[in-house]
C-alpha atoms as a PDB file:
ATOM      1  CA  UNK A   1     -16.248  -4.957 -36.633  1.00  0.00           C
ATOM      2  CA  UNK A   2     -18.144  -5.484 -33.449  1.00  0.00           C
ATOM      3  CA  UNK A   3     -19.723  -2.521 -32.171  1.00  0.00           C
ATOM      4  CA  UNK A   4     -17.773  -1.166 -28.862  1.00  0.00           C
ATOM      5  CA  UNK A   5     -20.324  -0.909 -26.178  1.00  0.00           C
ATOM      6  CA  UNK A   6     -19.414   2.159 -24.089  1.00  0.00           C
ATOM      7  CA  UNK A   7     -20.825   2.818 -20.292  1.00  0.00           C
ATOM      8  CA  UNK A   8     -21.258   6.183 -19.135  1.00  0.00           C
ATOM      9  CA  UNK A   9     -18.666   7.141 -16.093  1.00  0.00           C
ATOM     10  CA  UNK A  10     -21.236   9.411 -14.026  1.00  0.00           C
ATOM     11  CA  UNK A  11     -18.581   9.257 -11.426  1.00  0.00           C
ATOM     12  CA  UNK A  12     -15.132  10.094 -13.211  1.00  0.00           C
ATOM     13  CA  UNK A  13     -12.036  10.121 -11.168  1.00  0.00           C
ATOM     14  CA  UNK A  14     -14.325  10.317  -7.739  1.00  0.00           C
ATOM     15  CA  UNK A  15     -15.765   7.179  -8.809  1.00  0.00           C
ATOM     16  CA  UNK A  16     -12.374   5.538  -9.249  1.00  0.00           C
ATOM     17  CA  UNK A  17     -10.822   7.077  -6.055  1.00  0.00           C
ATOM     18  CA  UNK A  18     -13.992   6.627  -3.621  1.00  0.00           C
ATOM     19  CA  UNK A  19     -15.577   3.599  -2.581  1.00  0.00           C
ATOM     20  CA  UNK A  20     -19.090   3.991  -3.546  1.00  0.00           C
ATOM     21  CA  UNK A  21     -21.391   0.771  -3.168  1.00  0.00           C
ATOM     22  CA  UNK A  22     -18.205  -1.343  -3.137  1.00  0.00           C
ATOM     23  CA  UNK A  23     -17.103   0.036   0.421  1.00  0.00           C
ATOM     24  CA  UNK A  24     -13.977  -0.017   1.960  1.00  0.00           C
ATOM     25  CA  UNK A  25     -12.470  -2.680  -0.009  1.00  0.00           C
ATOM     26  CA  UNK A  26     -12.193  -0.063  -2.724  1.00  0.00           C
ATOM     27  CA  UNK A  27     -10.403   2.170  -1.043  1.00  0.00           C
ATOM     28  CA  UNK A  28      -7.720  -0.637   0.011  1.00  0.00           C
ATOM     29  CA  UNK A  29      -7.378  -1.424  -3.724  1.00  0.00           C
ATOM     30  CA  UNK A  30      -6.010   2.127  -4.693  1.00  0.00           C
ATOM     31  CA  UNK A  31      -3.923   2.621  -1.789  1.00  0.00           C
ATOM     32  CA  UNK A  32      -2.752  -0.414  -2.544  1.00  0.00           C
ATOM     33  CA  UNK A  33      -1.704   0.710  -5.827  1.00  0.00           C
ATOM     34  CA  UNK A  34      -0.644   3.907  -4.555  1.00  0.00           C
ATOM     35  CA  UNK A  35       1.784   2.233  -2.035  1.00  0.00           C
ATOM     36  CA  UNK A  36       3.048   0.337  -5.019  1.00  0.00           C
ATOM     37  CA  UNK A  37       3.972   3.520  -7.148  1.00  0.00           C
ATOM     38  CA  UNK A  38       5.690   4.954  -3.673  1.00  0.00           C
ATOM     39  CA  UNK A  39       7.766   1.621  -3.264  1.00  0.00           C
ATOM     40  CA  UNK A  40       8.860   1.461  -6.918  1.00  0.00           C
ATOM     41  CA  UNK A  41       9.994   5.497  -6.668  1.00  0.00           C
ATOM     42  CA  UNK A  42      12.070   4.634  -3.142  1.00  0.00           C
ATOM     43  CA  UNK A  43      13.767   1.574  -5.044  1.00  0.00           C
ATOM     44  CA  UNK A  44      14.481   3.924  -7.668  1.00  0.00           C
ATOM     45  CA  UNK A  45      15.879   6.356  -5.426  1.00  0.00           C
ATOM     46  CA  UNK A  46      17.788   4.169  -3.450  1.00  0.00           C
ATOM     47  CA  UNK A  47      19.633   2.702  -6.536  1.00  0.00           C
ATOM     48  CA  UNK A  48      20.590   6.153  -7.610  1.00  0.00           C
ATOM     49  CA  UNK A  49      21.927   7.007  -3.972  1.00  0.00           C
ATOM     50  CA  UNK A  50      23.558   3.755  -3.691  1.00  0.00           C
ATOM     51  CA  UNK A  51      25.440   4.447  -7.263  1.00  0.00           C
ATOM     52  CA  UNK A  52      26.725   7.689  -6.024  1.00  0.00           C
ATOM     53  CA  UNK A  53      28.767   5.678  -3.601  1.00  0.00           C
ATOM     54  CA  UNK A  54      30.363   4.080  -6.658  1.00  0.00           C
ATOM     55  CA  UNK A  55      31.083   7.650  -8.010  1.00  0.00           C
ATOM     56  CA  UNK A  56      33.044   9.088  -5.237  1.00  0.00           C
ATOM     57  CA  UNK A  57      32.995   9.305  -1.680  1.00  0.00           C
ATOM     58  CA  UNK A  58      32.583  12.502  -0.944  1.00  0.00           C
ATOM     59  CA  UNK A  59      29.306  12.427  -3.561  1.00  0.00           C
ATOM     60  CA  UNK A  60      28.182   9.705  -1.120  1.00  0.00           C
ATOM     61  CA  UNK A  61      28.861  11.794   2.003  1.00  0.00           C
ATOM     62  CA  UNK A  62      27.002  14.666   0.598  1.00  0.00           C
ATOM     63  CA  UNK A  63      23.698  12.814  -0.463  1.00  0.00           C
ATOM     64  CA  UNK A  64      23.604  10.724   2.843  1.00  0.00           C
ATOM     65  CA  UNK A  65      23.795  14.398   4.450  1.00  0.00           C
ATOM     66  CA  UNK A  66      21.399  15.641   2.647  1.00  0.00           C
ATOM     67  CA  UNK A  67      19.009  12.273   3.341  1.00  0.00           C
ATOM     68  CA  UNK A  68      19.593  13.209   7.310  1.00  0.00           C
ATOM     69  CA  UNK A  69      17.361  16.223   7.369  1.00  0.00           C
ATOM     70  CA  UNK A  70      13.859  15.995   9.195  1.00  0.00           C
ATOM     71  CA  UNK A  71      12.246  16.163   5.976  1.00  0.00           C
ATOM     72  CA  UNK A  72      13.688  12.825   4.665  1.00  0.00           C
ATOM     73  CA  UNK A  73      13.151  11.094   7.784  1.00  0.00           C
ATOM     74  CA  UNK A  74       9.413  11.897   7.539  1.00  0.00           C
ATOM     75  CA  UNK A  75       9.462  10.401   4.143  1.00  0.00           C
ATOM     76  CA  UNK A  76      11.519   7.249   5.497  1.00  0.00           C
ATOM     77  CA  UNK A  77       8.543   6.766   7.792  1.00  0.00           C
ATOM     78  CA  UNK A  78       6.037   6.735   4.964  1.00  0.00           C
ATOM     79  CA  UNK A  79       8.115   4.423   3.248  1.00  0.00           C
ATOM     80  CA  UNK A  80       8.218   2.324   6.074  1.00  0.00           C
ATOM     81  CA  UNK A  81       4.033   2.527   6.711  1.00  0.00           C
ATOM     82  CA  UNK A  82       3.624   2.001   2.740  1.00  0.00           C
ATOM     83  CA  UNK A  83       5.397  -1.068   2.839  1.00  0.00           C
ATOM     84  CA  UNK A  84       3.830  -2.548   5.870  1.00  0.00           C
ATOM     85  CA  UNK A  85       0.509  -1.737   4.559  1.00  0.00           C
ATOM     86  CA  UNK A  86       1.305  -3.179   0.947  1.00  0.00           C
ATOM     87  CA  UNK A  87       2.885  -6.239   2.102  1.00  0.00           C
ATOM     88  CA  UNK A  88       0.392  -7.314   4.261  1.00  0.00           C
ATOM     89  CA  UNK A  89      -2.631  -6.189   2.215  1.00  0.00           C
ATOM     90  CA  UNK A  90      -0.730  -8.333  -0.353  1.00  0.00           C
ATOM     91  CA  UNK A  91      -0.413 -11.301   1.601  1.00  0.00           C
ATOM     92  CA  UNK A  92      -4.242 -11.212   2.414  1.00  0.00           C
ATOM     93  CA  UNK A  93      -5.011 -10.606  -1.246  1.00  0.00           C
ATOM     94  CA  UNK A  94      -2.979 -13.545  -1.916  1.00  0.00           C
ATOM     95  CA  UNK A  95      -4.926 -15.539   0.493  1.00  0.00           C
ATOM     96  CA  UNK A  96      -7.970 -14.382  -1.182  1.00  0.00           C
ATOM     97  CA  UNK A  97      -6.693 -15.217  -4.841  1.00  0.00           C
ATOM     98  CA  UNK A  98      -5.980 -18.864  -3.554  1.00  0.00           C
ATOM     99  CA  UNK A  99      -9.401 -19.536  -2.269  1.00  0.00           C
ATOM    100  CA  UNK A 100      -8.601 -19.501   1.355  1.00  0.00           C
ATOM    101  CA  UNK A 101     -10.798 -17.016   2.185  1.00  0.00           C
ATOM    102  CA  UNK A 102     -13.281 -17.255  -0.584  1.00  0.00           C
ATOM    103  CA  UNK A 103     -15.964 -19.557   1.390  1.00  0.00           C
ATOM    104  CA  UNK A 104     -18.336 -22.153  -0.247  1.00  0.00           C
ATOM    105  CA  UNK A 105     -19.900 -22.043  -3.738  1.00  0.00           C
ATOM    106  CA  UNK A 106     -22.917 -19.666  -3.529  1.00  0.00           C
ATOM    107  CA  UNK A 107     -25.288 -18.112  -6.098  1.00  0.00           C
ATOM    108  CA  UNK A 108     -23.472 -14.695  -6.823  1.00  0.00           C
ATOM    109  CA  UNK A 109     -26.050 -12.026  -5.548  1.00  0.00           C
ATOM    110  CA  UNK A 110     -24.434  -8.787  -4.144  1.00  0.00           C
ATOM    111  CA  UNK A 111     -23.440  -7.930  -1.528  1.00  0.00           C
ATOM    112  CA  UNK A 112     -21.586 -11.611  -1.519  1.00  0.00           C
ATOM    113  CA  UNK A 113     -21.735 -13.394   2.057  1.00  0.00           C
ATOM    114  CA  UNK A 114     -18.241 -14.511   1.617  1.00  0.00           C
ATOM    115  CA  UNK A 115     -16.588 -11.277   1.108  1.00  0.00           C
ATOM    116  CA  UNK A 116     -18.826  -9.886   4.022  1.00  0.00           C
ATOM    117  CA  UNK A 117     -18.546 -12.992   6.567  1.00  0.00           C
ATOM    118  CA  UNK A 118     -15.250 -14.089   5.688  1.00  0.00           C
ATOM    119  CA  UNK A 119     -12.886 -11.854   3.716  1.00  0.00           C
ATOM    120  CA  UNK A 120     -14.160  -8.566   5.513  1.00  0.00           C
ATOM    121  CA  UNK A 121     -13.206  -9.801   9.105  1.00  0.00           C
ATOM    122  CA  UNK A 122      -9.680 -10.846   8.083  1.00  0.00           C
ATOM    123  CA  UNK A 123      -9.092  -7.646   6.382  1.00  0.00           C
ATOM    124  CA  UNK A 124     -10.138  -5.504  10.020  1.00  0.00           C
ATOM    125  CA  UNK A 125      -7.628  -7.871  11.368  1.00  0.00           C
ATOM    126  CA  UNK A 126      -5.092  -7.789   9.034  1.00  0.00           C
ATOM    127  CA  UNK A 127      -5.414  -3.464   9.059  1.00  0.00           C
ATOM    128  CA  UNK A 128      -5.187  -3.515  13.013  1.00  0.00           C
ATOM    129  CA  UNK A 129      -2.025  -5.706  12.757  1.00  0.00           C
ATOM    130  CA  UNK A 130      -0.700  -3.156   9.798  1.00  0.00           C
ATOM    131  CA  UNK A 131      -1.625  -0.261  11.909  1.00  0.00           C
ATOM    132  CA  UNK A 132       0.215  -1.658  15.126  1.00  0.00           C
ATOM    133  CA  UNK A 133       3.452  -2.099  13.062  1.00  0.00           C
ATOM    134  CA  UNK A 134       3.396   1.377  11.539  1.00  0.00           C
ATOM    135  CA  UNK A 135       2.873   2.624  15.271  1.00  0.00           C
ATOM    136  CA  UNK A 136       5.869   0.703  16.523  1.00  0.00           C
ATOM    137  CA  UNK A 137       8.087   1.340  13.643  1.00  0.00           C
ATOM    138  CA  UNK A 138       7.309   5.081  13.830  1.00  0.00           C
ATOM    139  CA  UNK A 139       7.811   4.976  17.818  1.00  0.00           C
ATOM    140  CA  UNK A 140      10.999   3.412  16.794  1.00  0.00           C
ATOM    141  CA  UNK A 141      11.779   5.705  14.073  1.00  0.00           C
ATOM    142  CA  UNK A 142      11.064   9.364  16.046  1.00  0.00           C
ATOM    143  CA  UNK A 143      11.720   8.417  19.995  1.00  0.00           C
ATOM    144  CA  UNK A 144      14.043   5.532  19.938  1.00  0.00           C
ATOM    145  CA  UNK A 145      16.583   6.146  17.380  1.00  0.00           C
ATOM    146  CA  UNK A 146      17.277   9.974  18.027  1.00  0.00           C
ATOM    147  CA  UNK A 147      15.915  11.544  15.100  1.00  0.00           C
END
């Protein structure tokens, strides 16, 4: 039976949540996972709420009245912001995985130049677009729709 090599985890949960030597990409990785779980939770809640319509019109009306309070309006905005981040960051990751943002082959010495010179500027552009869309969506949700 082969021996299992164990590496000590000196940082614990702090190392998983913190960027450490990997920088901002580690935070985006963590946020991508968290927003994915949030979108999954919203999807399941949406199925439940939609199913109330099939049960009875009165249950549907009371459920929709419950979700029209300010707490759920803020939650709706957070779902929107999470979806925008998850979608645009996912497109960025897809382009990296397909090789469009990797740059030419190079010696694998950390820090990787293709990451710093090609991927990081694109990441900054994508995060600026995310911020603009999230701010515009917040303006629409909180000021234009009359909530």
